[in-house]
Amino acid sequence: MITNPKFVVLYVADQQTVLDFCTRKLGFEVRTDAPYGNGNRWIEVSVPGAETYLVLAKGDPQVRDLVRQRLGELSHVWFDCDDLDATFEELRGRGVRFPVEPRTAPWDPGGRTRWAQFADPEGTLYGLTERGA
């Protein structure tokens, strides 16, 4: 039986820039950072204590641009937090850019779910919701 997602691959143009963002701005820990063919690195980062982690893989910027053109500004990776407003203030204080500040989710007709969206230095968007919502 499947138990949980193991990892999500994020294709990035500059591995070091996104690694610095994840560790310095988001507070993630580095699980693995090892050479991986043709000058690339295999980089795994995660929220401390989490089972699922992100792999920061070197991607072709032209392919990334094409994917963004076709899919739009959709967040492919979402995170939970205990307190959306406090997390928003903390991350914004660290310089994280939020194209969507905390608000009620339009997809929840009951209005219980609140969300926000932040961006990394390459413009990749991430969703953020409050746990239990």
Protein backbone atom coordinates (compact mmCIF):
# COMPACT_ATOMS: atom_id res chain seq x y z
CA MET A 1 0.00 0.00 0.00
CA ILE A 2 1.20 3.54 -0.71
CA THR A 3 2.00 5.35 2.53
CA ASN A 4 3.01 8.90 1.59
CA PRO A 5 4.71 10.98 -1.12
CA LYS A 6 8.51 10.57 -0.91
CA PHE A 7 9.67 13.68 -2.80
CA VAL A 8 8.72 16.33 -5.33
CA VAL A 9 11.18 17.40 -8.03
CA LEU A 10 11.46 21.13 -8.65
CA TYR A 11 13.28 22.07 -11.84
CA VAL A 12 15.35 25.17 -11.17
CA ALA A 13 17.70 27.26 -13.29
CA ASP A 14 20.13 28.02 -10.46
CA GLN A 15 20.34 25.31 -7.82
CA GLN A 16 22.37 27.40 -5.36
CA THR A 17 19.99 30.37 -5.48
CA VAL A 18 16.94 28.21 -4.75
CA LEU A 19 18.87 26.21 -2.11
CA ASP A 20 19.77 29.46 -0.34
CA PHE A 21 16.13 30.58 -0.50
CA CYS A 22 14.88 27.28 0.95
CA THR A 23 17.39 27.21 3.80
CA ARG A 24 17.80 30.90 4.66
CA LYS A 25 14.29 32.22 3.99
CA LEU A 26 12.06 29.18 4.56
CA GLY A 27 14.12 27.46 7.28
CA PHE A 28 14.41 24.11 5.47
CA GLU A 29 17.21 21.66 6.20
CA VAL A 30 19.53 20.11 3.63
CA ARG A 31 19.19 16.33 3.51
CA THR A 32 21.56 15.70 0.63
CA ASP A 33 23.84 17.85 -1.50
CA ALA A 34 26.02 15.71 -3.75
CA PRO A 35 27.59 15.98 -7.22
CA TYR A 36 25.31 14.46 -9.84
CA GLY A 37 26.69 14.28 -13.38
CA ASN A 38 27.74 17.09 -15.74
CA GLY A 39 28.44 19.58 -12.93
CA ASN A 40 24.93 19.31 -11.48
CA ARG A 41 24.06 18.45 -7.90
CA TRP A 42 21.49 16.16 -6.29
CA ILE A 43 19.98 18.43 -3.64
CA GLU A 44 17.28 17.36 -1.20
CA VAL A 45 15.71 19.87 1.23
CA SER A 46 12.82 19.55 3.65
CA VAL A 47 10.94 21.10 6.49
CA PRO A 48 12.74 19.80 9.63
CA GLY A 49 11.19 16.49 10.64
CA ALA A 50 9.07 16.06 7.49
CA GLU A 51 8.94 12.76 5.60
CA THR A 52 8.42 14.33 2.18
CA TYR A 53 11.22 16.43 0.70
CA LEU A 54 11.98 18.56 -2.34
CA VAL A 55 14.65 17.72 -4.91
CA LEU A 56 16.15 20.83 -6.51
CA ALA A 57 17.05 19.56 -9.98
CA LYS A 58 18.84 21.59 -12.62
CA GLY A 59 16.36 22.35 -15.39
CA ASP A 60 16.57 23.99 -18.79
CA PRO A 61 15.30 27.60 -18.42
CA GLN A 62 13.66 27.50 -21.87
CA VAL A 63 11.68 24.40 -20.93
CA ARG A 64 10.67 26.01 -17.62
CA ASP A 65 9.45 29.11 -19.51
CA LEU A 66 7.44 26.97 -21.93
CA VAL A 67 5.80 25.06 -19.06
CA ARG A 68 4.90 28.34 -17.34
CA GLN A 69 3.40 29.70 -20.55
CA ARG A 70 1.22 26.62 -20.92
CA LEU A 71 0.23 26.11 -17.28
CA GLY A 72 0.16 29.70 -16.09
CA GLU A 73 1.02 30.83 -12.58
CA LEU A 74 -0.26 27.68 -10.89
CA SER A 75 1.36 26.49 -7.65
CA HIS A 76 2.47 22.88 -7.99
CA VAL A 77 3.75 22.55 -4.43
CA TRP A 78 1.66 23.41 -1.38
CA PHE A 79 2.69 23.63 2.25
CA ASP A 80 0.67 23.57 5.44
CA CYS A 81 1.40 25.71 8.49
CA ASP A 82 -0.11 25.99 11.96
CA ASP A 83 -0.91 29.71 11.76
CA LEU A 84 -1.21 31.27 8.30
CA ASP A 85 -1.05 34.89 9.45
CA ALA A 86 1.97 34.36 11.71
CA THR A 87 3.80 32.34 9.03
CA PHE A 88 3.04 35.01 6.44
CA GLU A 89 4.42 37.76 8.70
CA GLU A 90 7.53 35.74 9.56
CA LEU A 91 8.35 34.85 5.95
CA ARG A 92 7.57 38.33 4.66
CA GLY A 93 9.92 39.67 7.35
CA ARG A 94 12.64 37.42 5.90
CA GLY A 95 12.08 38.94 2.46
CA VAL A 96 9.83 36.29 0.93
CA ARG A 97 7.57 37.75 -1.77
CA PHE A 98 3.83 36.95 -1.56
CA PRO A 99 1.90 37.55 -4.80
CA VAL A 100 -1.21 36.42 -2.90
CA GLU A 101 -1.46 37.50 0.73
CA PRO A 102 -3.58 35.46 3.18
CA ARG A 103 -7.24 35.33 2.18
CA THR A 104 -10.24 33.03 2.05
CA ALA A 105 -9.86 30.31 -0.58
CA PRO A 106 -12.29 30.77 -3.48
CA TRP A 107 -12.57 26.99 -3.91
CA ASP A 108 -14.01 26.46 -0.40
CA PRO A 109 -17.74 27.29 -0.47
CA GLY A 110 -17.84 27.08 3.33
CA GLY A 111 -15.17 29.77 3.65
CA ARG A 112 -13.12 27.86 6.25
CA THR A 113 -9.97 27.50 4.16
CA ARG A 114 -7.52 30.40 4.00
CA TRP A 115 -4.49 30.44 1.77
CA ALA A 116 -1.57 32.48 0.49
CA GLN A 117 0.96 32.11 -2.30
CA PHE A 118 4.68 32.90 -2.17
CA ALA A 119 7.41 32.92 -4.80
CA ASP A 120 11.04 31.85 -4.86
CA PRO A 121 13.75 33.99 -6.54
CA GLU A 122 13.10 32.25 -9.89
CA GLY A 123 9.39 33.05 -9.76
CA THR A 124 8.18 29.54 -8.91
CA LEU A 125 4.97 29.82 -6.91
CA TYR A 126 4.07 27.84 -3.79
CA GLY A 127 0.73 27.56 -2.03
CA LEU A 128 0.40 27.88 1.73
CA THR A 129 -2.64 26.85 3.76
CA GLU A 130 -3.37 26.56 7.44
CA ARG A 131 -3.30 22.99 8.77
CA GLY A 132 -6.72 21.52 9.41
CA ALA A 133 -8.54 23.93 7.15
